[in-house]
N, C-alpha and C. Protein backbone atom coordinates (compact mmCIF):
# COMPACT_ATOMS: atom_id res chain seq x y z
N MET A 1 -39.92 42.13 46.70
CA MET A 1 -40.36 41.41 47.88
C MET A 1 -39.17 41.31 48.85
N PRO A 2 -39.34 41.81 50.07
CA PRO A 2 -38.23 41.75 51.02
C PRO A 2 -37.93 40.31 51.44
N SER A 3 -36.64 40.06 51.66
CA SER A 3 -36.24 38.73 52.10
C SER A 3 -36.52 38.59 53.59
N LYS A 4 -36.36 37.38 54.10
CA LYS A 4 -36.56 37.15 55.54
C LYS A 4 -35.56 37.95 56.36
N ALA A 5 -34.34 38.07 55.85
CA ALA A 5 -33.31 38.83 56.56
C ALA A 5 -33.67 40.30 56.62
N GLN A 6 -34.19 40.86 55.51
CA GLN A 6 -34.61 42.26 55.51
C GLN A 6 -35.78 42.47 56.47
N PHE A 7 -36.73 41.53 56.47
CA PHE A 7 -37.88 41.64 57.37
C PHE A 7 -37.42 41.59 58.83
N ALA A 8 -36.48 40.70 59.14
CA ALA A 8 -35.97 40.58 60.51
C ALA A 8 -35.23 41.85 60.91
N ALA A 9 -34.44 42.41 59.97
CA ALA A 9 -33.72 43.65 60.26
C ALA A 9 -34.70 44.80 60.51
N LYS A 10 -35.76 44.86 59.72
CA LYS A 10 -36.79 45.89 59.90
C LYS A 10 -37.47 45.74 61.26
N ALA A 11 -37.80 44.50 61.63
CA ALA A 11 -38.46 44.25 62.90
C ALA A 11 -37.55 44.61 64.07
N ALA A 12 -36.26 44.36 63.92
CA ALA A 12 -35.31 44.65 64.99
C ALA A 12 -35.14 46.15 65.20
N THR A 13 -35.35 46.95 64.15
CA THR A 13 -35.16 48.39 64.27
C THR A 13 -36.46 49.14 64.57
N MET A 14 -37.57 48.43 64.69
CA MET A 14 -38.83 49.12 65.00
C MET A 14 -38.72 49.78 66.38
N SER A 15 -39.20 50.98 66.47
CA SER A 15 -39.11 51.69 67.74
C SER A 15 -40.08 51.11 68.75
N ARG A 16 -39.87 51.45 70.00
CA ARG A 16 -40.78 50.98 71.05
C ARG A 16 -42.16 51.58 70.87
N PHE A 17 -42.26 52.75 70.26
CA PHE A 17 -43.57 53.35 70.01
C PHE A 17 -44.32 52.59 68.93
N THR A 18 -43.60 52.14 67.90
CA THR A 18 -44.23 51.35 66.85
C THR A 18 -44.73 50.03 67.42
N CYS A 19 -43.90 49.38 68.23
CA CYS A 19 -44.32 48.12 68.86
C CYS A 19 -45.51 48.36 69.78
N GLY A 20 -45.47 49.43 70.53
CA GLY A 20 -46.59 49.76 71.42
C GLY A 20 -47.87 50.02 70.64
N THR A 21 -47.72 50.73 69.52
CA THR A 21 -48.89 51.00 68.67
C THR A 21 -49.49 49.71 68.16
N VAL A 22 -48.65 48.81 67.66
CA VAL A 22 -49.13 47.54 67.12
C VAL A 22 -49.81 46.71 68.22
N ILE A 23 -49.19 46.63 69.38
CA ILE A 23 -49.77 45.84 70.48
C ILE A 23 -51.11 46.43 70.91
N PHE A 24 -51.18 47.74 71.10
CA PHE A 24 -52.44 48.37 71.49
C PHE A 24 -53.51 48.18 70.42
N LEU A 25 -53.13 48.28 69.15
CA LEU A 25 -54.10 48.11 68.07
C LEU A 25 -54.62 46.67 67.99
N ILE A 26 -53.75 45.69 68.21
CA ILE A 26 -54.20 44.30 68.20
C ILE A 26 -55.21 44.07 69.33
N ILE A 27 -54.86 44.51 70.52
CA ILE A 27 -55.77 44.32 71.66
C ILE A 27 -57.06 45.09 71.45
N ALA A 28 -56.95 46.34 71.00
CA ALA A 28 -58.15 47.16 70.77
C ALA A 28 -59.05 46.53 69.71
N SER A 29 -58.46 46.01 68.64
CA SER A 29 -59.26 45.39 67.58
C SER A 29 -60.01 44.16 68.09
N ILE A 30 -59.35 43.35 68.89
CA ILE A 30 -60.01 42.16 69.44
C ILE A 30 -61.14 42.55 70.38
N LEU A 31 -60.87 43.49 71.29
CA LEU A 31 -61.91 43.94 72.23
C LEU A 31 -63.09 44.56 71.48
N TYR A 32 -62.77 45.38 70.49
CA TYR A 32 -63.82 46.06 69.73
C TYR A 32 -64.69 45.04 69.00
N LEU A 33 -64.05 44.07 68.34
CA LEU A 33 -64.80 43.06 67.60
C LEU A 33 -65.74 42.29 68.52
N ILE A 34 -65.26 41.89 69.68
CA ILE A 34 -66.11 41.15 70.62
C ILE A 34 -67.26 42.02 71.10
N GLY A 35 -66.96 43.25 71.53
CA GLY A 35 -68.01 44.14 72.01
C GLY A 35 -69.00 44.53 70.94
N PHE A 36 -68.51 44.74 69.75
CA PHE A 36 -69.32 45.15 68.60
C PHE A 36 -70.32 44.05 68.23
N ALA A 37 -69.90 42.80 68.31
CA ALA A 37 -70.71 41.69 67.83
C ALA A 37 -71.63 41.08 68.88
N THR A 38 -71.38 41.34 70.14
CA THR A 38 -72.16 40.67 71.19
C THR A 38 -73.34 41.51 71.65
N ASN A 39 -74.23 40.85 72.36
CA ASN A 39 -75.53 41.42 72.72
C ASN A 39 -75.63 42.04 74.11
N HIS A 40 -74.57 42.21 74.80
CA HIS A 40 -74.68 42.68 76.18
C HIS A 40 -74.21 44.12 76.35
N TRP A 41 -74.77 45.02 75.56
CA TRP A 41 -74.46 46.43 75.72
C TRP A 41 -75.17 46.99 76.95
N ALA A 42 -76.37 46.51 77.19
CA ALA A 42 -77.12 46.93 78.37
C ALA A 42 -77.98 45.75 78.81
N VAL A 43 -78.27 45.71 80.10
CA VAL A 43 -79.07 44.62 80.68
C VAL A 43 -80.12 45.23 81.59
N MET A 44 -81.32 44.64 81.52
CA MET A 44 -82.41 45.09 82.38
C MET A 44 -83.11 43.84 82.91
N ASN A 45 -83.43 43.86 84.19
CA ASN A 45 -84.13 42.74 84.80
C ASN A 45 -85.41 43.28 85.43
N VAL A 46 -86.54 42.90 84.85
CA VAL A 46 -87.84 43.36 85.35
C VAL A 46 -88.69 42.12 85.69
N LEU A 47 -89.09 42.03 86.93
CA LEU A 47 -89.92 40.92 87.40
C LEU A 47 -89.31 39.56 87.07
N GLY A 48 -87.99 39.47 87.21
CA GLY A 48 -87.30 38.21 86.98
C GLY A 48 -87.03 37.88 85.53
N VAL A 49 -87.42 38.75 84.61
CA VAL A 49 -87.17 38.52 83.18
C VAL A 49 -86.01 39.41 82.76
N GLU A 50 -84.93 38.76 82.34
CA GLU A 50 -83.76 39.50 81.90
C GLU A 50 -83.90 39.87 80.43
N THR A 51 -83.59 41.13 80.13
CA THR A 51 -83.56 41.61 78.76
C THR A 51 -82.18 42.18 78.51
N VAL A 52 -81.55 41.75 77.40
CA VAL A 52 -80.23 42.26 77.03
C VAL A 52 -80.36 43.03 75.72
N PHE A 53 -79.66 44.14 75.65
CA PHE A 53 -79.70 45.01 74.49
C PHE A 53 -78.32 45.00 73.83
N GLY A 54 -78.31 44.75 72.54
CA GLY A 54 -77.09 44.83 71.75
C GLY A 54 -77.30 45.82 70.63
N LEU A 55 -76.27 45.99 69.82
CA LEU A 55 -76.42 46.90 68.68
C LEU A 55 -77.37 46.34 67.64
N TRP A 56 -77.40 45.03 67.51
CA TRP A 56 -78.12 44.40 66.41
C TRP A 56 -79.43 43.75 66.80
N GLN A 57 -79.56 43.35 68.06
CA GLN A 57 -80.81 42.76 68.50
C GLN A 57 -80.98 42.91 70.01
N THR A 58 -82.23 42.79 70.42
CA THR A 58 -82.59 42.82 71.83
C THR A 58 -83.21 41.47 72.16
N CYS A 59 -82.75 40.86 73.24
CA CYS A 59 -83.24 39.53 73.60
C CYS A 59 -83.79 39.53 75.02
N SER A 60 -84.91 38.84 75.20
CA SER A 60 -85.49 38.61 76.52
C SER A 60 -85.49 37.12 76.78
N TYR A 61 -85.53 36.77 78.04
CA TYR A 61 -85.47 35.36 78.42
C TYR A 61 -86.61 35.01 79.38
N PRO A 62 -87.88 35.13 78.93
CA PRO A 62 -88.98 34.74 79.81
C PRO A 62 -89.03 33.22 79.92
N LEU A 63 -89.15 32.72 81.12
CA LEU A 63 -89.24 31.28 81.39
C LEU A 63 -88.06 30.51 80.79
N GLY A 64 -86.90 31.18 80.69
CA GLY A 64 -85.70 30.52 80.18
C GLY A 64 -85.67 30.34 78.68
N ILE A 65 -86.64 30.88 77.96
CA ILE A 65 -86.70 30.76 76.50
C ILE A 65 -86.22 32.07 75.89
N GLU A 66 -85.30 31.97 74.94
CA GLU A 66 -84.76 33.18 74.31
C GLU A 66 -85.73 33.71 73.26
N ALA A 67 -86.04 35.02 73.35
CA ALA A 67 -86.89 35.68 72.36
C ALA A 67 -86.17 36.96 71.93
N CYS A 68 -85.72 37.00 70.68
CA CYS A 68 -84.93 38.13 70.19
C CYS A 68 -85.65 38.87 69.07
N VAL A 69 -85.46 40.18 69.04
CA VAL A 69 -85.98 41.00 67.96
C VAL A 69 -84.85 41.90 67.45
N SER A 70 -84.90 42.21 66.17
CA SER A 70 -83.91 43.07 65.55
C SER A 70 -84.07 44.50 66.06
N THR A 71 -82.98 45.25 66.04
CA THR A 71 -83.03 46.66 66.47
C THR A 71 -83.28 47.61 65.30
N GLU A 72 -83.63 47.07 64.13
CA GLU A 72 -83.79 47.93 62.95
C GLU A 72 -84.92 48.94 63.08
N ASN A 73 -85.89 48.69 63.96
CA ASN A 73 -87.01 49.62 64.14
C ASN A 73 -86.83 50.51 65.36
N GLU A 74 -85.64 50.57 65.90
CA GLU A 74 -85.37 51.42 67.07
C GLU A 74 -85.38 52.89 66.67
N LYS A 75 -85.30 53.73 67.70
CA LYS A 75 -85.32 55.19 67.48
C LYS A 75 -84.05 55.66 66.78
N ASP A 76 -84.10 56.89 66.31
CA ASP A 76 -82.98 57.46 65.56
C ASP A 76 -81.69 57.52 66.37
N TRP A 77 -81.77 57.80 67.67
CA TRP A 77 -80.56 57.86 68.49
C TRP A 77 -79.87 56.49 68.53
N TYR A 78 -80.66 55.44 68.51
CA TYR A 78 -80.11 54.09 68.51
C TYR A 78 -79.35 53.84 67.20
N LYS A 79 -79.96 54.24 66.10
CA LYS A 79 -79.33 54.08 64.79
C LYS A 79 -78.07 54.95 64.69
N ALA A 80 -78.11 56.14 65.30
CA ALA A 80 -76.93 57.01 65.30
C ALA A 80 -75.79 56.36 66.09
N SER A 81 -76.13 55.74 67.21
CA SER A 81 -75.11 55.03 68.00
C SER A 81 -74.48 53.91 67.18
N ILE A 82 -75.32 53.14 66.50
CA ILE A 82 -74.83 52.05 65.67
C ILE A 82 -73.92 52.59 64.56
N ALA A 83 -74.34 53.66 63.90
CA ALA A 83 -73.54 54.25 62.82
C ALA A 83 -72.18 54.73 63.32
N LEU A 84 -72.17 55.42 64.44
CA LEU A 84 -70.91 55.96 64.97
C LEU A 84 -69.97 54.85 65.43
N VAL A 85 -70.51 53.85 66.08
CA VAL A 85 -69.68 52.74 66.53
C VAL A 85 -69.16 51.94 65.33
N THR A 86 -69.97 51.81 64.30
CA THR A 86 -69.54 51.12 63.08
C THR A 86 -68.43 51.90 62.38
N ILE A 87 -68.56 53.21 62.31
CA ILE A 87 -67.50 54.05 61.74
C ILE A 87 -66.22 53.87 62.56
N GLY A 88 -66.36 53.85 63.87
CA GLY A 88 -65.20 53.64 64.74
C GLY A 88 -64.52 52.31 64.48
N PHE A 89 -65.33 51.27 64.31
CA PHE A 89 -64.76 49.94 64.05
C PHE A 89 -64.05 49.92 62.69
N ALA A 90 -64.66 50.49 61.67
CA ALA A 90 -64.05 50.52 60.34
C ALA A 90 -62.74 51.32 60.37
N ALA A 91 -62.73 52.43 61.07
CA ALA A 91 -61.52 53.25 61.17
C ALA A 91 -60.42 52.50 61.93
N LEU A 92 -60.80 51.75 62.96
CA LEU A 92 -59.82 50.98 63.71
C LEU A 92 -59.20 49.88 62.85
N VAL A 93 -60.01 49.20 62.09
CA VAL A 93 -59.50 48.15 61.18
C VAL A 93 -58.58 48.78 60.13
N ALA A 94 -58.99 49.91 59.56
CA ALA A 94 -58.15 50.60 58.56
C ALA A 94 -56.83 51.05 59.18
N ALA A 95 -56.87 51.56 60.41
CA ALA A 95 -55.63 51.97 61.10
C ALA A 95 -54.72 50.77 61.34
N PHE A 96 -55.31 49.65 61.67
CA PHE A 96 -54.53 48.43 61.87
C PHE A 96 -53.84 48.02 60.58
N VAL A 97 -54.56 48.06 59.47
CA VAL A 97 -53.98 47.72 58.16
C VAL A 97 -52.85 48.70 57.82
N MET A 98 -53.08 49.98 58.04
CA MET A 98 -52.05 50.98 57.75
C MET A 98 -50.81 50.77 58.62
N THR A 99 -51.00 50.38 59.86
CA THR A 99 -49.87 50.12 60.75
C THR A 99 -49.07 48.92 60.26
N LEU A 100 -49.77 47.89 59.81
CA LEU A 100 -49.08 46.73 59.26
C LEU A 100 -48.30 47.11 58.00
N LEU A 101 -48.89 47.94 57.16
CA LEU A 101 -48.18 48.41 55.97
C LEU A 101 -46.94 49.21 56.36
N TYR A 102 -47.07 50.04 57.36
CA TYR A 102 -45.95 50.84 57.84
C TYR A 102 -44.80 49.94 58.31
N CYS A 103 -45.17 48.87 59.00
CA CYS A 103 -44.15 47.97 59.55
C CYS A 103 -43.53 47.04 58.51
N CYS A 104 -44.29 46.69 57.48
CA CYS A 104 -43.85 45.61 56.58
C CYS A 104 -43.44 46.06 55.18
N VAL A 105 -43.86 47.22 54.73
CA VAL A 105 -43.59 47.64 53.35
C VAL A 105 -42.64 48.83 53.39
N ASN A 106 -41.50 48.67 52.76
CA ASN A 106 -40.47 49.71 52.80
C ASN A 106 -40.67 50.80 51.75
N THR A 107 -41.52 50.59 50.76
CA THR A 107 -41.62 51.52 49.65
C THR A 107 -42.65 52.63 49.89
N LEU A 108 -43.42 52.54 50.94
CA LEU A 108 -44.44 53.56 51.21
C LEU A 108 -43.81 54.79 51.83
N GLY A 109 -44.41 55.95 51.58
CA GLY A 109 -43.98 57.16 52.24
C GLY A 109 -44.35 57.09 53.72
N LYS A 110 -43.35 56.94 54.57
CA LYS A 110 -43.60 56.69 55.99
C LYS A 110 -44.39 57.82 56.65
N ARG A 111 -44.05 59.04 56.33
CA ARG A 111 -44.72 60.17 56.98
C ARG A 111 -46.21 60.19 56.64
N SER A 112 -46.55 60.00 55.39
CA SER A 112 -47.96 60.02 55.00
C SER A 112 -48.73 58.85 55.62
N VAL A 113 -48.09 57.68 55.72
CA VAL A 113 -48.74 56.53 56.35
C VAL A 113 -49.01 56.81 57.82
N VAL A 114 -48.04 57.42 58.50
CA VAL A 114 -48.22 57.74 59.92
C VAL A 114 -49.36 58.75 60.10
N ILE A 115 -49.40 59.76 59.26
CA ILE A 115 -50.47 60.78 59.38
C ILE A 115 -51.84 60.14 59.16
N ILE A 116 -51.97 59.33 58.13
CA ILE A 116 -53.24 58.66 57.85
C ILE A 116 -53.63 57.75 59.01
N THR A 117 -52.65 57.02 59.53
CA THR A 117 -52.91 56.09 60.64
C THR A 117 -53.37 56.84 61.88
N VAL A 118 -52.71 57.93 62.20
CA VAL A 118 -53.10 58.72 63.39
C VAL A 118 -54.52 59.26 63.22
N VAL A 119 -54.81 59.78 62.04
CA VAL A 119 -56.17 60.30 61.78
C VAL A 119 -57.20 59.19 61.94
N LEU A 120 -56.91 58.01 61.41
CA LEU A 120 -57.85 56.88 61.52
C LEU A 120 -58.03 56.45 62.98
N MET A 121 -56.95 56.41 63.74
CA MET A 121 -57.05 56.02 65.16
C MET A 121 -57.87 57.03 65.95
N LEU A 122 -57.63 58.29 65.69
CA LEU A 122 -58.40 59.32 66.40
C LEU A 122 -59.86 59.33 65.96
N LEU A 123 -60.11 59.09 64.68
CA LEU A 123 -61.49 58.97 64.20
C LEU A 123 -62.18 57.79 64.88
N ALA A 124 -61.47 56.67 64.99
CA ALA A 124 -62.04 55.49 65.66
C ALA A 124 -62.39 55.83 67.11
N ALA A 125 -61.47 56.48 67.80
CA ALA A 125 -61.70 56.80 69.21
C ALA A 125 -62.85 57.79 69.39
N VAL A 126 -62.82 58.87 68.63
CA VAL A 126 -63.82 59.93 68.81
C VAL A 126 -65.22 59.46 68.39
N SER A 127 -65.35 58.83 67.23
CA SER A 127 -66.68 58.39 66.81
C SER A 127 -67.23 57.32 67.75
N SER A 128 -66.36 56.44 68.22
CA SER A 128 -66.82 55.41 69.16
C SER A 128 -67.29 56.02 70.48
N ILE A 129 -66.53 56.95 71.00
CA ILE A 129 -66.89 57.57 72.28
C ILE A 129 -68.20 58.34 72.14
N ILE A 130 -68.38 59.06 71.04
CA ILE A 130 -69.65 59.77 70.83
C ILE A 130 -70.81 58.77 70.73
N GLY A 131 -70.61 57.68 69.98
CA GLY A 131 -71.64 56.65 69.88
C GLY A 131 -71.95 56.01 71.23
N LEU A 132 -70.92 55.77 72.04
CA LEU A 132 -71.11 55.21 73.38
C LEU A 132 -71.88 56.16 74.28
N ILE A 133 -71.55 57.43 74.20
CA ILE A 133 -72.26 58.43 75.03
C ILE A 133 -73.73 58.50 74.64
N ILE A 134 -74.00 58.56 73.33
CA ILE A 134 -75.40 58.60 72.87
C ILE A 134 -76.15 57.36 73.36
N PHE A 135 -75.56 56.20 73.21
CA PHE A 135 -76.19 54.96 73.64
C PHE A 135 -76.43 54.95 75.15
N GLY A 136 -75.39 55.26 75.91
CA GLY A 136 -75.49 55.22 77.37
C GLY A 136 -76.52 56.19 77.94
N VAL A 137 -76.50 57.41 77.47
CA VAL A 137 -77.43 58.43 77.98
C VAL A 137 -78.87 58.06 77.64
N ASN A 138 -79.12 57.69 76.41
CA ASN A 138 -80.49 57.39 75.99
C ASN A 138 -81.01 56.09 76.57
N MET A 139 -80.17 55.10 76.75
CA MET A 139 -80.63 53.86 77.37
C MET A 139 -80.98 54.10 78.83
N ARG A 140 -80.22 54.95 79.48
CA ARG A 140 -80.50 55.27 80.89
C ARG A 140 -81.85 55.97 81.03
N GLU A 141 -82.20 56.80 80.03
CA GLU A 141 -83.50 57.48 80.05
C GLU A 141 -84.64 56.50 79.80
N ARG A 142 -84.35 55.41 79.11
CA ARG A 142 -85.37 54.40 78.80
C ARG A 142 -85.87 53.72 80.07
N SER A 143 -84.97 53.41 80.99
CA SER A 143 -85.35 52.73 82.23
C SER A 143 -84.27 52.94 83.28
N SER A 144 -84.67 53.25 84.49
CA SER A 144 -83.69 53.44 85.56
C SER A 144 -83.14 52.10 86.06
N SER A 145 -83.82 50.99 85.75
CA SER A 145 -83.33 49.68 86.19
C SER A 145 -82.34 49.08 85.18
N LEU A 146 -82.08 49.79 84.12
CA LEU A 146 -81.18 49.31 83.08
C LEU A 146 -79.73 49.62 83.45
N GLU A 147 -78.84 48.67 83.21
CA GLU A 147 -77.42 48.87 83.49
C GLU A 147 -76.60 48.58 82.23
N LEU A 148 -75.59 49.41 82.01
CA LEU A 148 -74.68 49.16 80.90
C LEU A 148 -73.89 47.90 81.23
N SER A 149 -73.55 47.13 80.20
CA SER A 149 -72.94 45.83 80.45
C SER A 149 -71.59 45.68 79.77
N TRP A 150 -71.09 44.46 79.74
CA TRP A 150 -69.71 44.20 79.35
C TRP A 150 -69.40 44.47 77.88
N SER A 151 -70.33 44.28 76.97
CA SER A 151 -70.07 44.59 75.56
C SER A 151 -69.79 46.08 75.38
N PHE A 152 -70.58 46.89 76.06
CA PHE A 152 -70.40 48.34 76.06
C PHE A 152 -69.00 48.68 76.60
N GLY A 153 -68.63 48.03 77.70
CA GLY A 153 -67.33 48.26 78.32
C GLY A 153 -66.16 47.87 77.43
N LEU A 154 -66.32 46.77 76.69
CA LEU A 154 -65.24 46.36 75.78
C LEU A 154 -65.00 47.39 74.68
N VAL A 155 -66.08 47.91 74.12
CA VAL A 155 -65.93 48.93 73.07
C VAL A 155 -65.35 50.22 73.66
N ALA A 156 -65.76 50.57 74.88
CA ALA A 156 -65.20 51.76 75.53
C ALA A 156 -63.69 51.58 75.75
N ALA A 157 -63.29 50.41 76.23
CA ALA A 157 -61.86 50.14 76.44
C ALA A 157 -61.11 50.18 75.11
N ALA A 158 -61.69 49.63 74.06
CA ALA A 158 -61.06 49.63 72.74
C ALA A 158 -60.90 51.06 72.20
N ALA A 159 -61.90 51.90 72.44
CA ALA A 159 -61.82 53.29 71.98
C ALA A 159 -60.69 54.03 72.70
N ILE A 160 -60.54 53.78 73.99
CA ILE A 160 -59.45 54.40 74.75
C ILE A 160 -58.11 53.90 74.24
N MET A 161 -58.03 52.60 73.95
CA MET A 161 -56.78 52.04 73.43
C MET A 161 -56.46 52.58 72.04
N ALA A 162 -57.48 52.84 71.23
CA ALA A 162 -57.26 53.44 69.91
C ALA A 162 -56.68 54.85 70.07
N PHE A 163 -57.17 55.59 71.04
CA PHE A 163 -56.65 56.93 71.30
C PHE A 163 -55.18 56.84 71.75
N ILE A 164 -54.89 55.91 72.66
CA ILE A 164 -53.51 55.73 73.12
C ILE A 164 -52.61 55.31 71.95
N SER A 165 -53.12 54.46 71.07
CA SER A 165 -52.35 54.05 69.89
C SER A 165 -52.03 55.25 69.02
N GLY A 166 -53.00 56.14 68.87
CA GLY A 166 -52.77 57.36 68.11
C GLY A 166 -51.67 58.21 68.71
N LEU A 167 -51.67 58.32 70.03
CA LEU A 167 -50.62 59.08 70.70
C LEU A 167 -49.25 58.42 70.51
N LEU A 168 -49.21 57.10 70.61
CA LEU A 168 -47.96 56.39 70.39
C LEU A 168 -47.46 56.57 68.96
N ALA A 169 -48.38 56.58 68.00
CA ALA A 169 -47.98 56.79 66.60
C ALA A 169 -47.42 58.19 66.40
N VAL A 170 -48.00 59.19 67.08
CA VAL A 170 -47.47 60.55 67.00
C VAL A 170 -46.05 60.59 67.59
N LEU A 171 -45.86 59.93 68.73
CA LEU A 171 -44.52 59.88 69.33
C LEU A 171 -43.53 59.17 68.41
N ASN A 172 -43.99 58.13 67.74
CA ASN A 172 -43.14 57.41 66.79
C ASN A 172 -42.72 58.31 65.64
N ALA A 173 -43.63 59.13 65.16
CA ALA A 173 -43.34 60.03 64.04
C ALA A 173 -42.32 61.09 64.46
N ARG A 174 -42.33 61.47 65.72
CA ARG A 174 -41.42 62.50 66.21
C ARG A 174 -40.03 61.93 66.50
N GLU A 175 -39.96 60.63 66.64
CA GLU A 175 -38.70 59.98 67.01
C GLU A 175 -37.68 60.00 65.89
């Protein structure tokens, strides 16, 4: 078990790319979690009734009363979007754990940890972006009055940050 002095020395010698990777991963994980869990992936307003679409449920607000239904009976493209975004979230969490291991545990093979972390970050970014594209294109075909909303945007921003984190990790490995 490393002492506090060893941990402080390790933290002091972390490269700017490692720090950048950790910061981007923390922000990306928070944004992803919020976007992943919330119901505002898309919004539609028809005749004064707002309907919000999330990954897990769709809610309408007729007369100010919330009425929600599960998305489990949605079309296959919807389920594919959910699967891809879920894979992206799992990969992002795994990359975050690997980055923490890289920063805190001295006995791991650093090169292998970096390679695994980069692969996980890129998997998170690519699967999320594909899931977002499938969701966005198909929801737009559902109704022209439908607009993508802030939950969708948070996951898109997190996917971009995961990609940037992957690039920073590659630069760290080359340093």
